[in-house]
Amino acid sequence: MITSEANRRASRSKQAAEVFGDQADAALDALALLDFAWHDCYGETSPPERVVEDIWMVSGGDLAQFIQAAYLAVIDFRDLRVGADAMHG
C-alpha cells in the first residue's frame, strides 16, 4: 500500500522520539532522504518496512549509525539484512 511521505513521517515519529529524543527530526529527515534515494534506485515509493526495521536495529540508537544504515540500505539492502540478523543473535 502506498502512503504519502507525511503519513510515513507521522507513523515513524513516535519511534524516532523514543530512540533519538531531541534528534528525532534528523532521523526522520534521513528516512525521507532514504525514500527519495530508494525511489531513484528501485522505482518504489519507499523501501519495504523490513528494510526500515533493519535500519532501526542496526543503528543501536546512534544517529550516525542510523544514517550509515540508511545509506547501506540503498547501496545493498542484503548487507543491511545480514547486519541486522547478526544483531538478533
N, C-alpha and C. Protein backbone atom coordinates (compact mmCIF):
# COMPACT_ATOMS: atom_id res chain seq x y z
N MET A 1 0.84 -1.18 0.00
CA MET A 1 0.00 0.00 0.00
C MET A 1 0.89 1.24 0.00
N ILE A 2 0.62 2.15 -0.88
CA ILE A 2 1.40 3.37 -0.99
C ILE A 2 0.84 4.41 -0.01
N THR A 3 1.76 5.00 0.75
CA THR A 3 1.37 6.06 1.68
C THR A 3 2.15 7.31 1.35
N SER A 4 1.64 8.43 1.77
CA SER A 4 2.34 9.70 1.49
C SER A 4 3.54 9.84 2.41
N GLU A 5 4.44 10.72 2.00
CA GLU A 5 5.63 11.00 2.82
C GLU A 5 5.21 11.51 4.19
N ALA A 6 4.19 12.34 4.22
CA ALA A 6 3.72 12.88 5.51
C ALA A 6 3.18 11.77 6.40
N ASN A 7 2.47 10.81 5.83
CA ASN A 7 1.96 9.70 6.62
C ASN A 7 3.08 8.80 7.12
N ARG A 8 4.08 8.55 6.26
CA ARG A 8 5.22 7.73 6.70
C ARG A 8 5.96 8.44 7.83
N ARG A 9 6.17 9.73 7.68
CA ARG A 9 6.87 10.50 8.72
C ARG A 9 6.09 10.46 10.03
N ALA A 10 4.78 10.67 9.97
CA ALA A 10 3.96 10.65 11.17
C ALA A 10 3.99 9.27 11.84
N SER A 11 3.94 8.21 11.04
CA SER A 11 3.94 6.87 11.63
C SER A 11 5.28 6.50 12.25
N ARG A 12 6.34 7.15 11.82
CA ARG A 12 7.69 6.87 12.35
C ARG A 12 8.11 7.82 13.47
N SER A 13 7.33 8.86 13.71
CA SER A 13 7.75 9.91 14.64
C SER A 13 7.85 9.44 16.08
N LYS A 14 6.94 8.58 16.52
CA LYS A 14 7.00 8.11 17.91
C LYS A 14 8.28 7.32 18.16
N GLN A 15 8.59 6.40 17.25
CA GLN A 15 9.81 5.61 17.41
C GLN A 15 11.04 6.50 17.35
N ALA A 16 11.03 7.45 16.44
CA ALA A 16 12.17 8.37 16.34
C ALA A 16 12.36 9.14 17.64
N ALA A 17 11.28 9.60 18.24
CA ALA A 17 11.38 10.35 19.50
C ALA A 17 11.87 9.45 20.63
N GLU A 18 11.42 8.21 20.65
CA GLU A 18 11.85 7.28 21.71
C GLU A 18 13.32 6.94 21.58
N VAL A 19 13.79 6.77 20.35
CA VAL A 19 15.17 6.34 20.13
C VAL A 19 16.15 7.51 20.15
N PHE A 20 15.77 8.64 19.54
CA PHE A 20 16.72 9.73 19.34
C PHE A 20 16.40 11.00 20.10
N GLY A 21 15.30 11.04 20.82
CA GLY A 21 14.97 12.21 21.62
C GLY A 21 14.93 13.47 20.81
N ASP A 22 15.75 14.46 21.20
CA ASP A 22 15.71 15.75 20.52
C ASP A 22 16.33 15.71 19.12
N GLN A 23 16.89 14.57 18.72
CA GLN A 23 17.42 14.41 17.37
C GLN A 23 16.43 13.64 16.47
N ALA A 24 15.21 13.48 16.94
CA ALA A 24 14.21 12.71 16.20
C ALA A 24 13.96 13.29 14.81
N ASP A 25 13.89 14.61 14.70
CA ASP A 25 13.63 15.22 13.39
C ASP A 25 14.74 14.90 12.40
N ALA A 26 15.97 14.83 12.87
CA ALA A 26 17.09 14.49 11.98
C ALA A 26 16.95 13.06 11.48
N ALA A 27 16.54 12.15 12.35
CA ALA A 27 16.33 10.76 11.93
C ALA A 27 15.19 10.68 10.92
N LEU A 28 14.13 11.42 11.15
CA LEU A 28 13.01 11.43 10.22
C LEU A 28 13.42 12.03 8.88
N ASP A 29 14.27 13.05 8.91
CA ASP A 29 14.79 13.63 7.67
C ASP A 29 15.63 12.60 6.92
N ALA A 30 16.43 11.83 7.63
CA ALA A 30 17.24 10.80 7.00
C ALA A 30 16.34 9.75 6.33
N LEU A 31 15.25 9.39 6.98
CA LEU A 31 14.32 8.43 6.37
C LEU A 31 13.63 9.03 5.14
N ALA A 32 13.35 10.31 5.16
CA ALA A 32 12.76 10.96 3.99
C ALA A 32 13.75 10.94 2.83
N LEU A 33 15.02 11.18 3.12
CA LEU A 33 16.05 11.09 2.08
C LEU A 33 16.18 9.65 1.58
N LEU A 34 16.05 8.70 2.49
CA LEU A 34 16.08 7.29 2.10
C LEU A 34 14.96 7.01 1.09
N ASP A 35 13.78 7.53 1.33
CA ASP A 35 12.66 7.32 0.41
C ASP A 35 12.99 7.86 -0.98
N PHE A 36 13.58 9.07 -1.05
CA PHE A 36 13.95 9.63 -2.35
C PHE A 36 14.98 8.74 -3.05
N ALA A 37 16.00 8.34 -2.31
CA ALA A 37 17.05 7.51 -2.90
C ALA A 37 16.49 6.16 -3.33
N TRP A 38 15.63 5.59 -2.50
CA TRP A 38 15.04 4.29 -2.83
C TRP A 38 14.24 4.40 -4.13
N HIS A 39 13.48 5.46 -4.24
CA HIS A 39 12.68 5.67 -5.45
C HIS A 39 13.58 5.79 -6.67
N ASP A 40 14.66 6.56 -6.54
CA ASP A 40 15.57 6.74 -7.66
C ASP A 40 16.25 5.43 -8.07
N CYS A 41 16.58 4.60 -7.10
CA CYS A 41 17.29 3.36 -7.38
C CYS A 41 16.37 2.21 -7.77
N TYR A 42 15.22 2.11 -7.11
CA TYR A 42 14.38 0.93 -7.27
C TYR A 42 13.01 1.22 -7.86
N GLY A 43 12.67 2.50 -8.06
CA GLY A 43 11.39 2.85 -8.66
C GLY A 43 10.19 2.64 -7.75
N GLU A 44 10.45 2.43 -6.47
CA GLU A 44 9.38 2.24 -5.48
C GLU A 44 9.33 3.48 -4.59
N THR A 45 8.15 3.80 -4.08
CA THR A 45 7.96 5.00 -3.27
C THR A 45 8.85 5.00 -2.04
N SER A 46 8.98 3.86 -1.40
CA SER A 46 9.81 3.75 -0.20
C SER A 46 10.25 2.30 -0.07
N PRO A 47 11.26 2.06 0.77
CA PRO A 47 11.73 0.69 0.95
C PRO A 47 10.68 -0.14 1.69
N PRO A 48 10.77 -1.46 1.56
CA PRO A 48 9.89 -2.32 2.35
C PRO A 48 10.08 -2.05 3.85
N GLU A 49 9.05 -2.24 4.59
CA GLU A 49 9.11 -1.97 6.03
C GLU A 49 10.20 -2.79 6.71
N ARG A 50 10.48 -3.97 6.23
CA ARG A 50 11.54 -4.81 6.79
C ARG A 50 12.90 -4.11 6.69
N VAL A 51 13.14 -3.41 5.60
CA VAL A 51 14.39 -2.68 5.43
C VAL A 51 14.48 -1.55 6.46
N VAL A 52 13.38 -0.84 6.65
CA VAL A 52 13.36 0.25 7.63
C VAL A 52 13.58 -0.31 9.04
N GLU A 53 12.96 -1.43 9.34
CA GLU A 53 13.17 -2.07 10.65
C GLU A 53 14.63 -2.44 10.84
N ASP A 54 15.26 -2.93 9.79
CA ASP A 54 16.69 -3.28 9.88
C ASP A 54 17.54 -2.04 10.16
N ILE A 55 17.17 -0.91 9.59
CA ILE A 55 17.91 0.33 9.84
C ILE A 55 17.82 0.70 11.32
N TRP A 56 16.62 0.64 11.87
CA TRP A 56 16.46 0.94 13.30
C TRP A 56 17.31 -0.01 14.14
N MET A 57 17.28 -1.30 13.80
CA MET A 57 18.01 -2.31 14.57
C MET A 57 19.52 -2.06 14.52
N VAL A 58 20.03 -1.87 13.33
CA VAL A 58 21.48 -1.73 13.16
C VAL A 58 22.00 -0.44 13.79
N SER A 59 21.16 0.57 13.86
CA SER A 59 21.61 1.87 14.39
C SER A 59 22.02 1.79 15.85
N GLY A 60 21.39 0.91 16.61
CA GLY A 60 21.70 0.82 18.03
C GLY A 60 21.43 2.12 18.78
N GLY A 61 20.55 2.95 18.24
CA GLY A 61 20.23 4.21 18.91
C GLY A 61 21.22 5.33 18.66
N ASP A 62 22.15 5.12 17.73
CA ASP A 62 23.15 6.13 17.40
C ASP A 62 22.77 6.75 16.05
N LEU A 63 22.59 8.07 16.02
CA LEU A 63 22.13 8.74 14.81
C LEU A 63 23.10 8.57 13.65
N ALA A 64 24.39 8.64 13.90
CA ALA A 64 25.37 8.46 12.83
C ALA A 64 25.25 7.06 12.23
N GLN A 65 25.11 6.05 13.07
CA GLN A 65 24.96 4.68 12.56
C GLN A 65 23.62 4.50 11.84
N PHE A 66 22.60 5.23 12.30
CA PHE A 66 21.29 5.20 11.65
C PHE A 66 21.43 5.70 10.21
N ILE A 67 22.13 6.81 10.04
CA ILE A 67 22.33 7.38 8.70
C ILE A 67 23.16 6.43 7.84
N GLN A 68 24.21 5.84 8.42
CA GLN A 68 25.03 4.89 7.68
C GLN A 68 24.21 3.66 7.27
N ALA A 69 23.34 3.22 8.15
CA ALA A 69 22.49 2.07 7.83
C ALA A 69 21.50 2.41 6.71
N ALA A 70 20.97 3.63 6.72
CA ALA A 70 20.07 4.05 5.65
C ALA A 70 20.81 4.09 4.31
N TYR A 71 22.03 4.56 4.34
CA TYR A 71 22.86 4.58 3.13
C TYR A 71 23.10 3.15 2.64
N LEU A 72 23.46 2.26 3.55
CA LEU A 72 23.70 0.87 3.19
C LEU A 72 22.43 0.22 2.63
N ALA A 73 21.28 0.59 3.16
CA ALA A 73 20.02 0.04 2.66
C ALA A 73 19.86 0.31 1.17
N VAL A 74 20.25 1.49 0.73
CA VAL A 74 20.12 1.83 -0.68
C VAL A 74 21.20 1.12 -1.51
N ILE A 75 22.41 1.10 -1.00
CA ILE A 75 23.54 0.52 -1.73
C ILE A 75 23.37 -1.00 -1.87
N ASP A 76 23.08 -1.68 -0.77
CA ASP A 76 22.86 -3.13 -0.80
C ASP A 76 22.09 -3.54 0.46
N PHE A 77 20.79 -3.57 0.34
CA PHE A 77 19.94 -3.88 1.50
C PHE A 77 20.17 -5.29 2.02
N ARG A 78 20.77 -6.16 1.21
CA ARG A 78 21.07 -7.52 1.69
C ARG A 78 22.17 -7.49 2.74
N ASP A 79 23.16 -6.62 2.56
CA ASP A 79 24.21 -6.46 3.57
C ASP A 79 23.62 -5.91 4.87
N LEU A 80 22.68 -5.00 4.75
CA LEU A 80 21.99 -4.48 5.93
C LEU A 80 21.27 -5.61 6.64
N ARG A 81 20.61 -6.48 5.90
CA ARG A 81 19.88 -7.62 6.47
C ARG A 81 20.83 -8.52 7.23
N VAL A 82 22.01 -8.78 6.67
CA VAL A 82 22.99 -9.62 7.34
C VAL A 82 23.39 -8.99 8.68
N GLY A 83 23.62 -7.68 8.67
CA GLY A 83 23.99 -6.99 9.91
C GLY A 83 22.88 -7.05 10.94
N ALA A 84 21.65 -6.87 10.51
CA ALA A 84 20.52 -6.93 11.45
C ALA A 84 20.35 -8.34 11.99
N ASP A 85 20.52 -9.34 11.14
CA ASP A 85 20.41 -10.73 11.60
C ASP A 85 21.48 -11.05 12.63
N ALA A 86 22.69 -10.53 12.41
CA ALA A 86 23.79 -10.77 13.35
C ALA A 86 23.47 -10.16 14.71
N MET A 87 22.77 -9.03 14.72
CA MET A 87 22.43 -8.39 15.99
C MET A 87 21.32 -9.15 16.73
N HIS A 88 20.51 -9.89 15.96
CA HIS A 88 19.45 -10.69 16.59
C HIS A 88 20.04 -11.91 17.27
N GLY A 89 21.26 -12.28 16.90
CA GLY A 89 21.93 -13.42 17.52
C GLY A 89 21.74 -14.61 16.74
